[in-house]
Amino acid sequence: MANAVKNIAKFIKKESENDEAKVLWELCKALEGESSFDLQKLFDLSVKSFDLALKLLDEWRIDRHISERRIQKYLDLSDD
């Protein structure tokens, strides 16, 4: 998730007062804390910000999948 997070962090620092930066920040916090996020907010974003959000979600999903596989592998080994 590093690339998307880095790009969003740059965007937020550059555009800290921008409403789109605030939405992206809320999305990052929600994914990190496994809390809810209003997806409707994504539809109000510009194409650039929406693309950043999609990349973040894609990388987050891959990271979660890898993490779950590691946990499952560990649990499978501990049953032996």
PDB file of N, CA and C in Angstrom:
ATOM      1  N   MET A   1       0.834  -1.190   0.000  1.00  0.00           N
ATOM      2  CA  MET A   1       0.000   0.000   0.000  1.00  0.00           C
ATOM      3  C   MET A   1       0.870   1.242   0.000  1.00  0.00           C
ATOM      4  N   ALA A   2       2.144   1.066  -0.010  1.00  0.00           N
ATOM      5  CA  ALA A   2       3.072   2.186   0.147  1.00  0.00           C
ATOM      6  C   ALA A   2       2.976   3.222  -0.963  1.00  0.00           C
ATOM      7  N   ASN A   3       2.887   2.793  -2.213  1.00  0.00           N
ATOM      8  CA  ASN A   3       2.868   3.760  -3.305  1.00  0.00           C
ATOM      9  C   ASN A   3       1.648   4.669  -3.245  1.00  0.00           C
ATOM     10  N   ALA A   4       0.482   4.093  -3.073  1.00  0.00           N
ATOM     11  CA  ALA A   4      -0.742   4.890  -3.007  1.00  0.00           C
ATOM     12  C   ALA A   4      -0.720   5.809  -1.791  1.00  0.00           C
ATOM     13  N   VAL A   5      -0.273   5.299  -0.673  1.00  0.00           N
ATOM     14  CA  VAL A   5      -0.218   6.113   0.545  1.00  0.00           C
ATOM     15  C   VAL A   5       0.736   7.286   0.358  1.00  0.00           C
ATOM     16  N   LYS A   6       1.883   7.030  -0.255  1.00  0.00           N
ATOM     17  CA  LYS A   6       2.845   8.113  -0.501  1.00  0.00           C
ATOM     18  C   LYS A   6       2.246   9.178  -1.401  1.00  0.00           C
ATOM     19  N   ASN A   7       1.569   8.754  -2.453  1.00  0.00           N
ATOM     20  CA  ASN A   7       0.963   9.712  -3.371  1.00  0.00           C
ATOM     21  C   ASN A   7      -0.152  10.513  -2.708  1.00  0.00           C
ATOM     22  N   ILE A   8      -0.948   9.853  -1.893  1.00  0.00           N
ATOM     23  CA  ILE A   8      -2.014  10.556  -1.183  1.00  0.00           C
ATOM     24  C   ILE A   8      -1.423  11.501  -0.149  1.00  0.00           C
ATOM     25  N   ALA A   9      -0.373  11.075   0.539  1.00  0.00           N
ATOM     26  CA  ALA A   9       0.274  11.947   1.528  1.00  0.00           C
ATOM     27  C   ALA A   9       0.814  13.208   0.867  1.00  0.00           C
ATOM     28  N   LYS A  10       1.422  13.062  -0.292  1.00  0.00           N
ATOM     29  CA  LYS A  10       1.915  14.232  -1.029  1.00  0.00           C
ATOM     30  C   LYS A  10       0.763  15.153  -1.398  1.00  0.00           C
ATOM     31  N   PHE A  11      -0.325  14.566  -1.877  1.00  0.00           N
ATOM     32  CA  PHE A  11      -1.493  15.351  -2.267  1.00  0.00           C
ATOM     33  C   PHE A  11      -2.069  16.097  -1.069  1.00  0.00           C
ATOM     34  N   ILE A  12      -2.185  15.411   0.060  1.00  0.00           N
ATOM     35  CA  ILE A  12      -2.754  16.025   1.266  1.00  0.00           C
ATOM     36  C   ILE A  12      -1.869  17.168   1.753  1.00  0.00           C
ATOM     37  N   LYS A  13      -0.552  16.975   1.750  1.00  0.00           N
ATOM     38  CA  LYS A  13       0.362  18.038   2.179  1.00  0.00           C
ATOM     39  C   LYS A  13       0.284  19.245   1.258  1.00  0.00           C
ATOM     40  N   LYS A  14       0.189  18.972  -0.034  1.00  0.00           N
ATOM     41  CA  LYS A  14       0.142  20.046  -1.023  1.00  0.00           C
ATOM     42  C   LYS A  14      -1.201  20.776  -1.001  1.00  0.00           C
ATOM     43  N   GLU A  15      -2.268  20.043  -0.765  1.00  0.00           N
ATOM     44  CA  GLU A  15      -3.629  20.589  -0.842  1.00  0.00           C
ATOM     45  C   GLU A  15      -4.354  20.435   0.496  1.00  0.00           C
ATOM     46  N   SER A  16      -3.714  20.760   1.586  1.00  0.00           N
ATOM     47  CA  SER A  16      -4.253  20.464   2.914  1.00  0.00           C
ATOM     48  C   SER A  16      -5.627  21.075   3.195  1.00  0.00           C
ATOM     49  N   GLU A  17      -5.943  22.185   2.578  1.00  0.00           N
ATOM     50  CA  GLU A  17      -7.240  22.826   2.809  1.00  0.00           C
ATOM     51  C   GLU A  17      -8.302  22.368   1.812  1.00  0.00           C
ATOM     52  N   ASN A  18      -7.911  21.562   0.858  1.00  0.00           N
ATOM     53  CA  ASN A  18      -8.800  21.078  -0.190  1.00  0.00           C
ATOM     54  C   ASN A  18      -9.760  20.027   0.374  1.00  0.00           C
ATOM     55  N   ASP A  19     -11.038  20.124   0.018  1.00  0.00           N
ATOM     56  CA  ASP A  19     -12.025  19.150   0.494  1.00  0.00           C
ATOM     57  C   ASP A  19     -11.705  17.736   0.024  1.00  0.00           C
ATOM     58  N   GLU A  20     -11.136  17.618  -1.168  1.00  0.00           N
ATOM     59  CA  GLU A  20     -10.788  16.294  -1.677  1.00  0.00           C
ATOM     60  C   GLU A  20      -9.667  15.667  -0.852  1.00  0.00           C
ATOM     61  N   ALA A  21      -8.731  16.474  -0.416  1.00  0.00           N
ATOM     62  CA  ALA A  21      -7.656  15.973   0.449  1.00  0.00           C
ATOM     63  C   ALA A  21      -8.239  15.461   1.761  1.00  0.00           C
ATOM     64  N   LYS A  22      -9.239  16.154   2.260  1.00  0.00           N
ATOM     65  CA  LYS A  22      -9.881  15.729   3.508  1.00  0.00           C
ATOM     66  C   LYS A  22     -10.607  14.398   3.328  1.00  0.00           C
ATOM     67  N   VAL A  23     -11.250  14.218   2.185  1.00  0.00           N
ATOM     68  CA  VAL A  23     -11.934  12.951   1.907  1.00  0.00           C
ATOM     69  C   VAL A  23     -10.920  11.812   1.820  1.00  0.00           C
ATOM     70  N   LEU A  24      -9.817  12.050   1.137  1.00  0.00           N
ATOM     71  CA  LEU A  24      -8.781  11.016   1.028  1.00  0.00           C
ATOM     72  C   LEU A  24      -8.191  10.689   2.397  1.00  0.00           C
ATOM     73  N   TRP A  25      -8.014  11.698   3.230  1.00  0.00           N
ATOM     74  CA  TRP A  25      -7.521  11.481   4.596  1.00  0.00           C
ATOM     75  C   TRP A  25      -8.514  10.625   5.383  1.00  0.00           C
ATOM     76  N   GLU A  26      -9.805  10.927   5.256  1.00  0.00           N
ATOM     77  CA  GLU A  26     -10.833  10.141   5.943  1.00  0.00           C
ATOM     78  C   GLU A  26     -10.810   8.686   5.470  1.00  0.00           C
ATOM     79  N   LEU A  27     -10.621   8.490   4.173  1.00  0.00           N
ATOM     80  CA  LEU A  27     -10.552   7.133   3.628  1.00  0.00           C
ATOM     81  C   LEU A  27      -9.350   6.382   4.201  1.00  0.00           C
ATOM     82  N   CYS A  28      -8.208   7.038   4.255  1.00  0.00           N
ATOM     83  CA  CYS A  28      -7.002   6.417   4.832  1.00  0.00           C
ATOM     84  C   CYS A  28      -7.233   6.019   6.284  1.00  0.00           C
ATOM     85  N   LYS A  29      -7.818   6.916   7.057  1.00  0.00           N
ATOM     86  CA  LYS A  29      -8.085   6.623   8.469  1.00  0.00           C
ATOM     87  C   LYS A  29      -9.064   5.464   8.613  1.00  0.00           C
ATOM     88  N   ALA A  30     -10.081   5.431   7.765  1.00  0.00           N
ATOM     89  CA  ALA A  30     -11.073   4.357   7.843  1.00  0.00           C
ATOM     90  C   ALA A  30     -10.450   3.004   7.514  1.00  0.00           C
ATOM     91  N   LEU A  31      -9.619   2.961   6.494  1.00  0.00           N
ATOM     92  CA  LEU A  31      -8.979   1.698   6.128  1.00  0.00           C
ATOM     93  C   LEU A  31      -7.998   1.242   7.199  1.00  0.00           C
ATOM     94  N   GLU A  32      -7.266   2.168   7.761  1.00  0.00           N
ATOM     95  CA  GLU A  32      -6.292   1.828   8.801  1.00  0.00           C
ATOM     96  C   GLU A  32      -6.987   1.346  10.067  1.00  0.00           C
ATOM     97  N   GLY A  33      -8.078   2.007  10.423  1.00  0.00           N
ATOM     98  CA  GLY A  33      -8.775   1.677  11.658  1.00  0.00           C
ATOM     99  C   GLY A  33      -9.923   0.711  11.484  1.00  0.00           C
ATOM    100  N   GLU A  34     -10.108   0.209  10.255  1.00  0.00           N
ATOM    101  CA  GLU A  34     -11.206  -0.690   9.945  1.00  0.00           C
ATOM    102  C   GLU A  34     -12.534  -0.122  10.419  1.00  0.00           C
ATOM    103  N   SER A  35     -12.742   1.160  10.149  1.00  0.00           N
ATOM    104  CA  SER A  35     -13.995   1.813  10.500  1.00  0.00           C
ATOM    105  C   SER A  35     -14.768   2.140   9.228  1.00  0.00           C
ATOM    106  N   SER A  36     -15.956   2.676   9.399  1.00  0.00           N
ATOM    107  CA  SER A  36     -16.812   2.936   8.244  1.00  0.00           C
ATOM    108  C   SER A  36     -16.386   4.197   7.492  1.00  0.00           C
ATOM    109  N   PHE A  37     -16.760   4.225   6.226  1.00  0.00           N
ATOM    110  CA  PHE A  37     -16.485   5.368   5.359  1.00  0.00           C
ATOM    111  C   PHE A  37     -17.647   5.478   4.383  1.00  0.00           C
ATOM    112  N   ASP A  38     -18.135   6.691   4.177  1.00  0.00           N
ATOM    113  CA  ASP A  38     -19.247   6.939   3.261  1.00  0.00           C
ATOM    114  C   ASP A  38     -18.727   6.952   1.827  1.00  0.00           C
ATOM    115  N   LEU A  39     -18.979   5.879   1.097  1.00  0.00           N
ATOM    116  CA  LEU A  39     -18.481   5.761  -0.274  1.00  0.00           C
ATOM    117  C   LEU A  39     -19.040   6.835  -1.197  1.00  0.00           C
ATOM    118  N   GLN A  40     -20.166   7.397  -0.856  1.00  0.00           N
ATOM    119  CA  GLN A  40     -20.758   8.461  -1.669  1.00  0.00           C
ATOM    120  C   GLN A  40     -19.787   9.630  -1.828  1.00  0.00           C
ATOM    121  N   LYS A  41     -18.930   9.841  -0.848  1.00  0.00           N
ATOM    122  CA  LYS A  41     -17.953  10.935  -0.913  1.00  0.00           C
ATOM    123  C   LYS A  41     -16.992  10.766  -2.085  1.00  0.00           C
ATOM    124  N   LEU A  42     -16.747   9.534  -2.487  1.00  0.00           N
ATOM    125  CA  LEU A  42     -15.827   9.286  -3.599  1.00  0.00           C
ATOM    126  C   LEU A  42     -16.377   9.813  -4.919  1.00  0.00           C
ATOM    127  N   PHE A  43     -17.689   9.810  -5.063  1.00  0.00           N
ATOM    128  CA  PHE A  43     -18.299  10.249  -6.316  1.00  0.00           C
ATOM    129  C   PHE A  43     -18.169  11.747  -6.542  1.00  0.00           C
ATOM    130  N   ASP A  44     -17.886  12.494  -5.498  1.00  0.00           N
ATOM    131  CA  ASP A  44     -17.722  13.943  -5.620  1.00  0.00           C
ATOM    132  C   ASP A  44     -16.280  14.345  -5.924  1.00  0.00           C
ATOM    133  N   LEU A  45     -15.376  13.377  -5.963  1.00  0.00           N
ATOM    134  CA  LEU A  45     -13.962  13.668  -6.201  1.00  0.00           C
ATOM    135  C   LEU A  45     -13.682  13.914  -7.681  1.00  0.00           C
ATOM    136  N   SER A  46     -12.623  14.654  -7.932  1.00  0.00           N
ATOM    137  CA  SER A  46     -12.142  14.818  -9.305  1.00  0.00           C
ATOM    138  C   SER A  46     -11.595  13.476  -9.789  1.00  0.00           C
ATOM    139  N   VAL A  47     -11.347  13.382 -11.070  1.00  0.00           N
ATOM    140  CA  VAL A  47     -10.818  12.138 -11.637  1.00  0.00           C
ATOM    141  C   VAL A  47      -9.486  11.774 -10.983  1.00  0.00           C
ATOM    142  N   LYS A  48      -8.613  12.755 -10.781  1.00  0.00           N
ATOM    143  CA  LYS A  48      -7.299  12.498 -10.180  1.00  0.00           C
ATOM    144  C   LYS A  48      -7.442  11.950  -8.758  1.00  0.00           C
ATOM    145  N   SER A  49      -8.265  12.595  -7.947  1.00  0.00           N
ATOM    146  CA  SER A  49      -8.446  12.156  -6.563  1.00  0.00           C
ATOM    147  C   SER A  49      -9.155  10.811  -6.495  1.00  0.00           C
ATOM    148  N   PHE A  50     -10.130  10.608  -7.376  1.00  0.00           N
ATOM    149  CA  PHE A  50     -10.836   9.329  -7.424  1.00  0.00           C
ATOM    150  C   PHE A  50      -9.868   8.207  -7.779  1.00  0.00           C
ATOM    151  N   ASP A  51      -8.981   8.472  -8.719  1.00  0.00           N
ATOM    152  CA  ASP A  51      -7.971   7.488  -9.109  1.00  0.00           C
ATOM    153  C   ASP A  51      -7.042   7.165  -7.939  1.00  0.00           C
ATOM    154  N   LEU A  52      -6.648   8.181  -7.183  1.00  0.00           N
ATOM    155  CA  LEU A  52      -5.819   7.943  -5.993  1.00  0.00           C
ATOM    156  C   LEU A  52      -6.553   7.046  -4.996  1.00  0.00           C
ATOM    157  N   ALA A  53      -7.839   7.312  -4.800  1.00  0.00           N
ATOM    158  CA  ALA A  53      -8.635   6.515  -3.869  1.00  0.00           C
ATOM    159  C   ALA A  53      -8.728   5.066  -4.337  1.00  0.00           C
ATOM    160  N   LEU A  54      -8.946   4.865  -5.631  1.00  0.00           N
ATOM    161  CA  LEU A  54      -9.032   3.501  -6.160  1.00  0.00           C
ATOM    162  C   LEU A  54      -7.712   2.755  -6.012  1.00  0.00           C
ATOM    163  N   LYS A  55      -6.609   3.440  -6.254  1.00  0.00           N
ATOM    164  CA  LYS A  55      -5.297   2.805  -6.086  1.00  0.00           C
ATOM    165  C   LYS A  55      -5.065   2.424  -4.628  1.00  0.00           C
ATOM    166  N   LEU A  56      -5.479   3.301  -3.727  1.00  0.00           N
ATOM    167  CA  LEU A  56      -5.352   3.006  -2.305  1.00  0.00           C
ATOM    168  C   LEU A  56      -6.172   1.771  -1.943  1.00  0.00           C
ATOM    169  N   LEU A  57      -7.411   1.724  -2.395  1.00  0.00           N
ATOM    170  CA  LEU A  57      -8.270   0.575  -2.108  1.00  0.00           C
ATOM    171  C   LEU A  57      -7.700  -0.709  -2.694  1.00  0.00           C
ATOM    172  N   ASP A  58      -7.163  -0.635  -3.886  1.00  0.00           N
ATOM    173  CA  ASP A  58      -6.571  -1.809  -4.529  1.00  0.00           C
ATOM    174  C   ASP A  58      -5.371  -2.318  -3.732  1.00  0.00           C
ATOM    175  N   GLU A  59      -4.480  -1.420  -3.354  1.00  0.00           N
ATOM    176  CA  GLU A  59      -3.297  -1.826  -2.588  1.00  0.00           C
ATOM    177  C   GLU A  59      -3.680  -2.320  -1.200  1.00  0.00           C
ATOM    178  N   TRP A  60      -4.679  -1.686  -0.587  1.00  0.00           N
ATOM    179  CA  TRP A  60      -5.149  -2.101   0.733  1.00  0.00           C
ATOM    180  C   TRP A  60      -5.706  -3.523   0.668  1.00  0.00           C
ATOM    181  N   ARG A  61      -6.484  -3.804  -0.382  1.00  0.00           N
ATOM    182  CA  ARG A  61      -7.074  -5.132  -0.542  1.00  0.00           C
ATOM    183  C   ARG A  61      -5.982  -6.188  -0.713  1.00  0.00           C
ATOM    184  N   ILE A  62      -5.002  -5.905  -1.536  1.00  0.00           N
ATOM    185  CA  ILE A  62      -3.895  -6.851  -1.747  1.00  0.00           C
ATOM    186  C   ILE A  62      -3.144  -7.087  -0.439  1.00  0.00           C
ATOM    187  N   ASP A  63      -2.850  -6.017   0.292  1.00  0.00           N
ATOM    188  CA  ASP A  63      -2.141  -6.148   1.569  1.00  0.00           C
ATOM    189  C   ASP A  63      -2.930  -6.993   2.562  1.00  0.00           C
ATOM    190  N   ARG A  64      -4.245  -6.793   2.613  1.00  0.00           N
ATOM    191  CA  ARG A  64      -5.077  -7.583   3.534  1.00  0.00           C
ATOM    192  C   ARG A  64      -5.082  -9.047   3.138  1.00  0.00           C
ATOM    193  N   HIS A  65      -5.165  -9.301   1.849  1.00  0.00           N
ATOM    194  CA  HIS A  65      -5.174 -10.682   1.361  1.00  0.00           C
ATOM    195  C   HIS A  65      -3.868 -11.385   1.732  1.00  0.00           C
ATOM    196  N   ILE A  66      -2.753 -10.716   1.512  1.00  0.00           N
ATOM    197  CA  ILE A  66      -1.446 -11.294   1.842  1.00  0.00           C
ATOM    198  C   ILE A  66      -1.343 -11.536   3.346  1.00  0.00           C
ATOM    199  N   SER A  67      -1.786 -10.574   4.133  1.00  0.00           N
ATOM    200  CA  SER A  67      -1.733 -10.707   5.585  1.00  0.00           C
ATOM    201  C   SER A  67      -2.587 -11.883   6.059  1.00  0.00           C
ATOM    202  N   GLU A  68      -3.784 -12.009   5.513  1.00  0.00           N
ATOM    203  CA  GLU A  68      -4.661 -13.113   5.902  1.00  0.00           C
ATOM    204  C   GLU A  68      -4.059 -14.461   5.519  1.00  0.00           C
ATOM    205  N   ARG A  69      -3.405 -14.518   4.365  1.00  0.00           N
ATOM    206  CA  ARG A  69      -2.761 -15.766   3.950  1.00  0.00           C
ATOM    207  C   ARG A  69      -1.630 -16.121   4.904  1.00  0.00           C
ATOM    208  N   ARG A  70      -0.873 -15.118   5.352  1.00  0.00           N
ATOM    209  CA  ARG A  70       0.210 -15.382   6.309  1.00  0.00           C
ATOM    210  C   ARG A  70      -0.355 -15.913   7.617  1.00  0.00           C
ATOM    211  N   ILE A  71      -1.417 -15.293   8.083  1.00  0.00           N
ATOM    212  CA  ILE A  71      -2.035 -15.727   9.334  1.00  0.00           C
ATOM    213  C   ILE A  71      -2.563 -17.151   9.187  1.00  0.00           C
ATOM    214  N   GLN A  72      -3.249 -17.420   8.074  1.00  0.00           N
ATOM    215  CA  GLN A  72      -3.793 -18.759   7.852  1.00  0.00           C
ATOM    216  C   GLN A  72      -2.681 -19.795   7.772  1.00  0.00           C
ATOM    217  N   LYS A  73      -1.595 -19.453   7.102  1.00  0.00           N
ATOM    218  CA  LYS A  73      -0.464 -20.374   6.999  1.00  0.00           C
ATOM    219  C   LYS A  73       0.094 -20.668   8.391  1.00  0.00           C
ATOM    220  N   TYR A  74       0.212 -19.643   9.230  1.00  0.00           N
ATOM    221  CA  TYR A  74       0.715 -19.832  10.582  1.00  0.00           C
ATOM    222  C   TYR A  74      -0.235 -20.718  11.387  1.00  0.00           C
ATOM    223  N   LEU A  75      -1.530 -20.474  11.256  1.00  0.00           N
ATOM    224  CA  LEU A  75      -2.507 -21.277  11.985  1.00  0.00           C
ATOM    225  C   LEU A  75      -2.481 -22.725  11.520  1.00  0.00           C
ATOM    226  N   ASP A  76      -2.320 -22.932  10.219  1.00  0.00           N
ATOM    227  CA  ASP A  76      -2.231 -24.296   9.695  1.00  0.00           C
ATOM    228  C   ASP A  76      -1.005 -25.011  10.242  1.00  0.00           C
ATOM    229  N   LEU A  77       0.104 -24.310  10.365  1.00  0.00           N
ATOM    230  CA  LEU A  77       1.331 -24.909  10.890  1.00  0.00           C
ATOM    231  C   LEU A  77       1.221 -25.200  12.377  1.00  0.00           C
ATOM    232  N   SER A  78       0.496 -24.371  13.105  1.00  0.00           N
ATOM    233  CA  SER A  78       0.411 -24.555  14.548  1.00  0.00           C
ATOM    234  C   SER A  78      -0.502 -25.716  14.925  1.00  0.00           C
ATOM    235  N   ASP A  79      -1.329 -26.193  13.989  1.00  0.00           N
ATOM    236  CA  ASP A  79      -2.188 -27.345  14.263  1.00  0.00           C
ATOM    237  C   ASP A  79      -1.404 -28.649  14.305  1.00  0.00           C
ATOM    238  N   ASP A  80      -0.236 -28.648  13.699  1.00  0.00           N
ATOM    239  CA  ASP A  80       0.574 -29.875  13.630  1.00  0.00           C
ATOM    240  C   ASP A  80       1.184 -30.232  14.949  1.00  0.00           C
TER     241      ASP A  80
END
